[in-house]
């Protein structure tokens, strides 16, 4: 019975060792590699997303700058037309208004050119973002996940093989233990226990001792102890 229990426990230990060797270590390494890959790809995606926001922000700023300059140029043009049509305006006032209008128009054209360039740049970056850079990162993420799932599939298969290799031995040991348990006899076991407890030394009778006399030697105590030892030796031999 004890041997069967030891064999079953040994089978479980073998299973645990093989699982740790063939599955556990590889699973830890897989988790580490996937975590690092995900972290790097996530950082790249966040950086790309930030660049996209910067492009959109730059485009919006150039658009606002162009709209402001165009509005100022339009107001300057209206002011020049008004002064030029004013019969009371001096030549110097008309020239000053004209120069101001020309300056605002030049500023508007410069802002317009910068805005056109920024539109082209943002569109190019946006096309590259959606057609090349973002799909590339997403494909790498998908490839990482596919590899992770494939590795886990292999590890689960190895785990099943380990169980299939060890379980027959464990099952056999457990069946032997079950058979031994079926042969347990409570009456015999309890009888052995009671017999063991009833083998305490039986003391000899007390003798009347005259004052000044010594205790006479008795052999009862030694004989009882000797019989107890013999019974215990017989039980050990049976076991």
Protein backbone atom coordinates (compact mmCIF):
# COMPACT_ATOMS: atom_id res chain seq x y z
CA UNK A 1 0.00 0.00 0.00
CA UNK A 2 2.77 2.37 0.93
CA UNK A 3 4.65 1.48 -2.25
CA UNK A 4 1.61 2.22 -4.38
CA UNK A 5 1.19 5.61 -2.71
CA UNK A 6 4.84 6.40 -3.27
CA UNK A 7 4.59 5.40 -6.93
CA UNK A 8 1.54 7.61 -7.41
CA UNK A 9 3.26 10.55 -5.74
CA UNK A 10 6.38 9.94 -7.82
CA UNK A 11 4.25 9.94 -10.96
CA UNK A 12 2.82 13.32 -10.02
CA UNK A 13 6.32 14.65 -9.34
CA UNK A 14 7.54 13.38 -12.71
CA UNK A 15 4.56 15.05 -14.37
CA UNK A 16 5.28 18.33 -12.61
CA UNK A 17 8.97 18.22 -13.56
CA UNK A 18 8.25 17.47 -17.20
CA UNK A 19 5.57 20.16 -17.37
CA UNK A 20 7.98 22.68 -15.86
CA UNK A 21 10.74 21.63 -18.24
CA UNK A 22 8.77 21.29 -21.48
CA UNK A 23 5.99 23.82 -20.89
CA UNK A 24 6.60 26.12 -17.94
CA UNK A 25 10.01 27.49 -18.98
CA UNK A 26 8.97 27.96 -22.60
CA UNK A 27 5.75 29.67 -21.50
CA UNK A 28 7.69 32.14 -19.35
CA UNK A 29 10.06 32.94 -22.21
CA UNK A 30 7.13 33.33 -24.61
CA UNK A 31 5.40 35.73 -22.22
CA UNK A 32 8.59 37.77 -21.87
CA UNK A 33 9.20 37.97 -25.62
CA UNK A 34 5.59 38.87 -26.44
CA UNK A 35 5.51 41.51 -23.71
CA UNK A 36 8.66 43.18 -25.05
CA UNK A 37 7.40 43.05 -28.65
CA UNK A 38 4.02 44.48 -27.69
CA UNK A 39 5.69 47.24 -25.70
CA UNK A 40 7.92 48.25 -28.61
CA UNK A 41 5.08 48.17 -31.13
CA UNK A 42 2.83 50.14 -28.80
CA UNK A 43 5.51 52.79 -28.41
CA UNK A 44 5.88 53.02 -32.18
CA UNK A 45 2.10 53.31 -32.60
CA UNK A 46 1.90 56.05 -29.95
CA UNK A 47 4.75 57.94 -31.56
CA UNK A 48 3.12 57.67 -34.97
CA UNK A 49 -0.19 58.84 -33.53
CA UNK A 50 1.54 61.84 -31.97
CA UNK A 51 3.15 62.70 -35.31
CA UNK A 52 -0.26 62.52 -36.95
CA UNK A 53 -1.67 64.95 -34.38
CA UNK A 54 1.30 67.28 -34.97
CA UNK A 55 0.61 67.30 -38.73
CA UNK A 56 -3.03 68.11 -38.19
CA UNK A 57 -2.15 70.80 -35.66
CA UNK A 58 0.37 72.40 -38.04
CA UNK A 59 -2.19 72.37 -40.86
CA UNK A 60 -4.79 74.01 -38.62
CA UNK A 61 -2.35 76.74 -37.55
CA UNK A 62 -1.36 77.55 -41.14
CA UNK A 63 -5.02 77.62 -42.14
CA UNK A 64 -5.87 80.05 -39.34
CA UNK A 65 -2.84 82.19 -40.18
CA UNK A 66 -3.86 82.35 -43.84
CA UNK A 67 -7.47 83.18 -42.99
CA UNK A 68 -6.34 85.98 -40.67
CA UNK A 69 -3.96 87.46 -43.24
CA UNK A 70 -6.60 87.22 -45.99
CA UNK A 71 -9.12 89.00 -43.78
CA UNK A 72 -6.60 91.74 -42.97
CA UNK A 73 -5.69 92.10 -46.67
CA UNK A 74 -9.37 92.40 -47.56
CA UNK A 75 -9.87 95.09 -44.91
CA UNK A 76 -6.77 96.94 -46.11
CA UNK A 77 -8.07 96.80 -49.69
CA UNK A 78 -11.44 98.18 -48.62
CA UNK A 79 -9.72 100.94 -46.65
CA UNK A 80 -7.57 101.90 -49.65
CA UNK A 81 -10.62 102.03 -51.92
CA UNK A 82 -12.41 104.27 -49.46
CA UNK A 83 -9.44 106.65 -49.08
CA UNK A 84 -8.78 106.70 -52.80
CA UNK A 85 -12.37 107.72 -53.48
CA UNK A 86 -12.34 110.36 -50.76
CA UNK A 87 -11.94 113.77 -52.44
CA UNK A 88 -10.66 115.29 -49.21
CA UNK A 89 -7.87 112.72 -48.73
CA UNK A 90 -4.36 113.90 -49.39
CA UNK A 91 -1.95 112.20 -51.74
CA UNK A 92 0.16 111.10 -48.76
CA UNK A 93 -2.86 109.46 -47.12
CA UNK A 94 -3.72 107.63 -50.29
CA UNK A 95 -0.12 106.42 -50.73
CA UNK A 96 0.09 105.30 -47.11
CA UNK A 97 -3.14 103.36 -47.47
CA UNK A 98 -1.92 101.81 -50.69
CA UNK A 99 1.39 100.68 -49.16
CA UNK A 100 -0.50 99.20 -46.20
CA UNK A 101 -2.77 97.33 -48.61
CA UNK A 102 0.22 96.03 -50.59
CA UNK A 103 1.95 94.89 -47.39
CA UNK A 104 -1.14 92.99 -46.22
CA UNK A 105 -1.60 91.44 -49.64
CA UNK A 106 2.06 90.31 -49.71
CA UNK A 107 1.65 88.88 -46.22
CA UNK A 108 -1.50 87.10 -47.33
CA UNK A 109 0.24 85.60 -50.38
CA UNK A 110 3.11 84.41 -48.20
CA UNK A 111 0.73 82.80 -45.71
CA UNK A 112 -1.25 81.34 -48.60
CA UNK A 113 1.90 79.74 -50.03
CA UNK A 114 2.87 78.31 -46.65
CA UNK A 115 -0.67 77.01 -46.19
CA UNK A 116 -0.61 75.32 -49.63
CA UNK A 117 2.72 73.67 -48.83
CA UNK A 118 1.42 72.50 -45.45
CA UNK A 119 -1.70 71.05 -47.08
CA UNK A 120 0.45 69.05 -49.50
CA UNK A 121 2.79 67.95 -46.71
CA UNK A 122 -0.07 66.91 -44.44
CA UNK A 123 -1.78 65.01 -47.24
CA UNK A 124 1.43 63.17 -48.10
CA UNK A 125 2.04 62.31 -44.46
CA UNK A 126 -1.56 61.25 -44.05
CA UNK A 127 -1.39 58.98 -47.10
CA UNK A 128 1.83 57.42 -45.78
CA UNK A 129 0.27 57.07 -42.34
CA UNK A 130 -2.81 55.18 -43.49
CA UNK A 131 -1.30 53.26 -46.41
CA UNK A 132 2.14 52.30 -45.14
CA UNK A 133 3.25 53.13 -41.63
CA UNK A 134 0.13 52.27 -39.61
CA UNK A 135 -0.62 49.05 -41.57
CA UNK A 136 2.98 47.97 -41.07
CA UNK A 137 2.70 48.32 -37.28
CA UNK A 138 -0.69 46.58 -37.27
CA UNK A 139 0.71 43.73 -39.35
CA UNK A 140 3.59 43.33 -36.91
CA UNK A 141 1.12 43.24 -34.01
CA UNK A 142 -0.95 40.64 -35.80
CA UNK A 143 2.15 38.59 -36.60
CA UNK A 144 3.15 38.75 -32.94
CA UNK A 145 -0.27 37.54 -31.84
CA UNK A 146 -0.27 34.75 -34.42
CA UNK A 147 3.13 33.60 -33.23
CA UNK A 148 2.00 33.73 -29.61
CA UNK A 149 -1.13 31.68 -30.30
CA UNK A 150 0.88 29.17 -32.35
CA UNK A 151 3.44 28.77 -29.56
CA UNK A 152 0.70 28.33 -26.97
CA UNK A 153 -0.88 25.69 -29.18
CA UNK A 154 2.40 23.75 -29.25
CA UNK A 155 2.83 24.14 -25.49
CA UNK A 156 -0.69 22.85 -24.83
CA UNK A 157 0.02 19.89 -27.11
CA UNK A 158 3.24 19.15 -25.21
CA UNK A 159 1.31 19.41 -21.94
CA UNK A 160 -1.21 16.84 -23.21
CA UNK A 161 1.63 14.52 -24.22
CA UNK A 162 3.19 14.78 -20.79
CA UNK A 163 -0.11 13.91 -19.13
CA UNK A 164 -0.68 11.03 -21.52
CA UNK A 165 2.80 9.63 -20.79
CA UNK A 166 2.52 9.82 -17.00
CA UNK A 167 -1.16 9.27 -16.32
CA UNK A 168 -1.13 5.49 -17.05
CA UNK A 169 1.48 4.97 -14.32
CA UNK A 170 -0.42 7.20 -11.92
CA UNK A 171 -3.67 5.42 -12.76
CA UNK A 172 -2.11 2.03 -12.16
CA UNK A 173 -0.75 3.12 -8.79
CA UNK A 174 -4.08 4.61 -7.78
CA UNK A 175 -5.88 1.43 -8.78
CA UNK A 176 -3.49 -0.57 -6.61
CA UNK A 177 -4.12 1.82 -3.74
CA UNK A 178 -7.86 1.45 -4.28
CA UNK A 179 -7.59 -2.34 -4.14
CA UNK A 180 -5.53 -2.13 -0.96
CA UNK A 181 -8.11 0.19 0.57
CA UNK A 182 -10.82 -2.32 -0.25
CA UNK A 183 -8.92 -4.98 1.74
CA UNK A 184 -8.78 -2.87 4.89
CA UNK A 185 -10.55 -4.64 7.77
CA UNK A 186 -11.64 -2.22 10.50
CA UNK A 187 -12.23 -5.04 13.00
CA UNK A 188 -8.73 -6.49 12.61
CA UNK A 189 -7.12 -3.07 12.73
CA UNK A 190 -9.01 -2.10 15.86
CA UNK A 191 -8.18 -5.47 17.44
CA UNK A 192 -4.50 -4.94 16.80
CA UNK A 193 -4.74 -1.48 18.32
CA UNK A 194 -6.48 -2.76 21.43
CA UNK A 195 -3.99 -5.61 21.78
CA UNK A 196 -1.15 -3.16 21.53
CA UNK A 197 -2.65 -0.97 24.22
CA UNK A 198 -3.48 -3.93 26.47
CA UNK A 199 0.12 -5.11 26.61
CA UNK A 200 1.04 -2.82 29.47
CA UNK A 201 3.07 -4.57 32.21
CA UNK A 202 0.86 -6.37 34.75
CA UNK A 203 2.16 -5.60 38.22
CA UNK A 204 2.66 -8.33 40.77
CA UNK A 205 0.68 -8.54 43.99
CA UNK A 206 1.77 -6.45 46.93
CA UNK A 207 3.36 -8.29 49.87
CA UNK A 208 3.17 -7.49 53.52
CA UNK A 209 6.55 -6.32 54.65
CA UNK A 210 7.59 -6.63 58.25
CA UNK A 211 9.27 -3.59 59.68
CA UNK A 212 12.94 -3.69 58.89
CA UNK A 213 12.62 -6.33 56.13
CA UNK A 214 13.81 -5.76 52.62
CA UNK A 215 11.63 -6.22 49.50
CA UNK A 216 11.86 -9.84 48.39
CA UNK A 217 12.74 -10.37 44.70
CA UNK A 218 9.81 -11.15 42.39
CA UNK A 219 9.87 -12.43 38.85
CA UNK A 220 6.33 -11.50 37.87
CA UNK A 221 7.21 -8.07 36.55
CA UNK A 222 10.09 -9.32 34.41
CA UNK A 223 8.04 -12.24 33.08
CA UNK A 224 5.24 -9.90 32.07
CA UNK A 225 7.66 -7.61 30.24
CA UNK A 226 9.24 -10.56 28.48
CA UNK A 227 5.88 -11.85 27.27
CA UNK A 228 5.00 -8.37 25.99
CA UNK A 229 8.23 -8.20 24.01
CA UNK A 230 7.53 -11.60 22.45
CA UNK A 231 4.04 -10.52 21.36
CA UNK A 232 5.39 -7.33 19.80
CA UNK A 233 8.06 -9.30 17.94
CA UNK A 234 5.38 -11.63 16.55
CA UNK A 235 3.35 -8.62 15.33
CA UNK A 236 6.39 -7.10 13.66
CA UNK A 237 7.08 -10.40 11.93
CA UNK A 238 3.48 -10.53 10.62
CA UNK A 239 3.70 -6.96 9.34
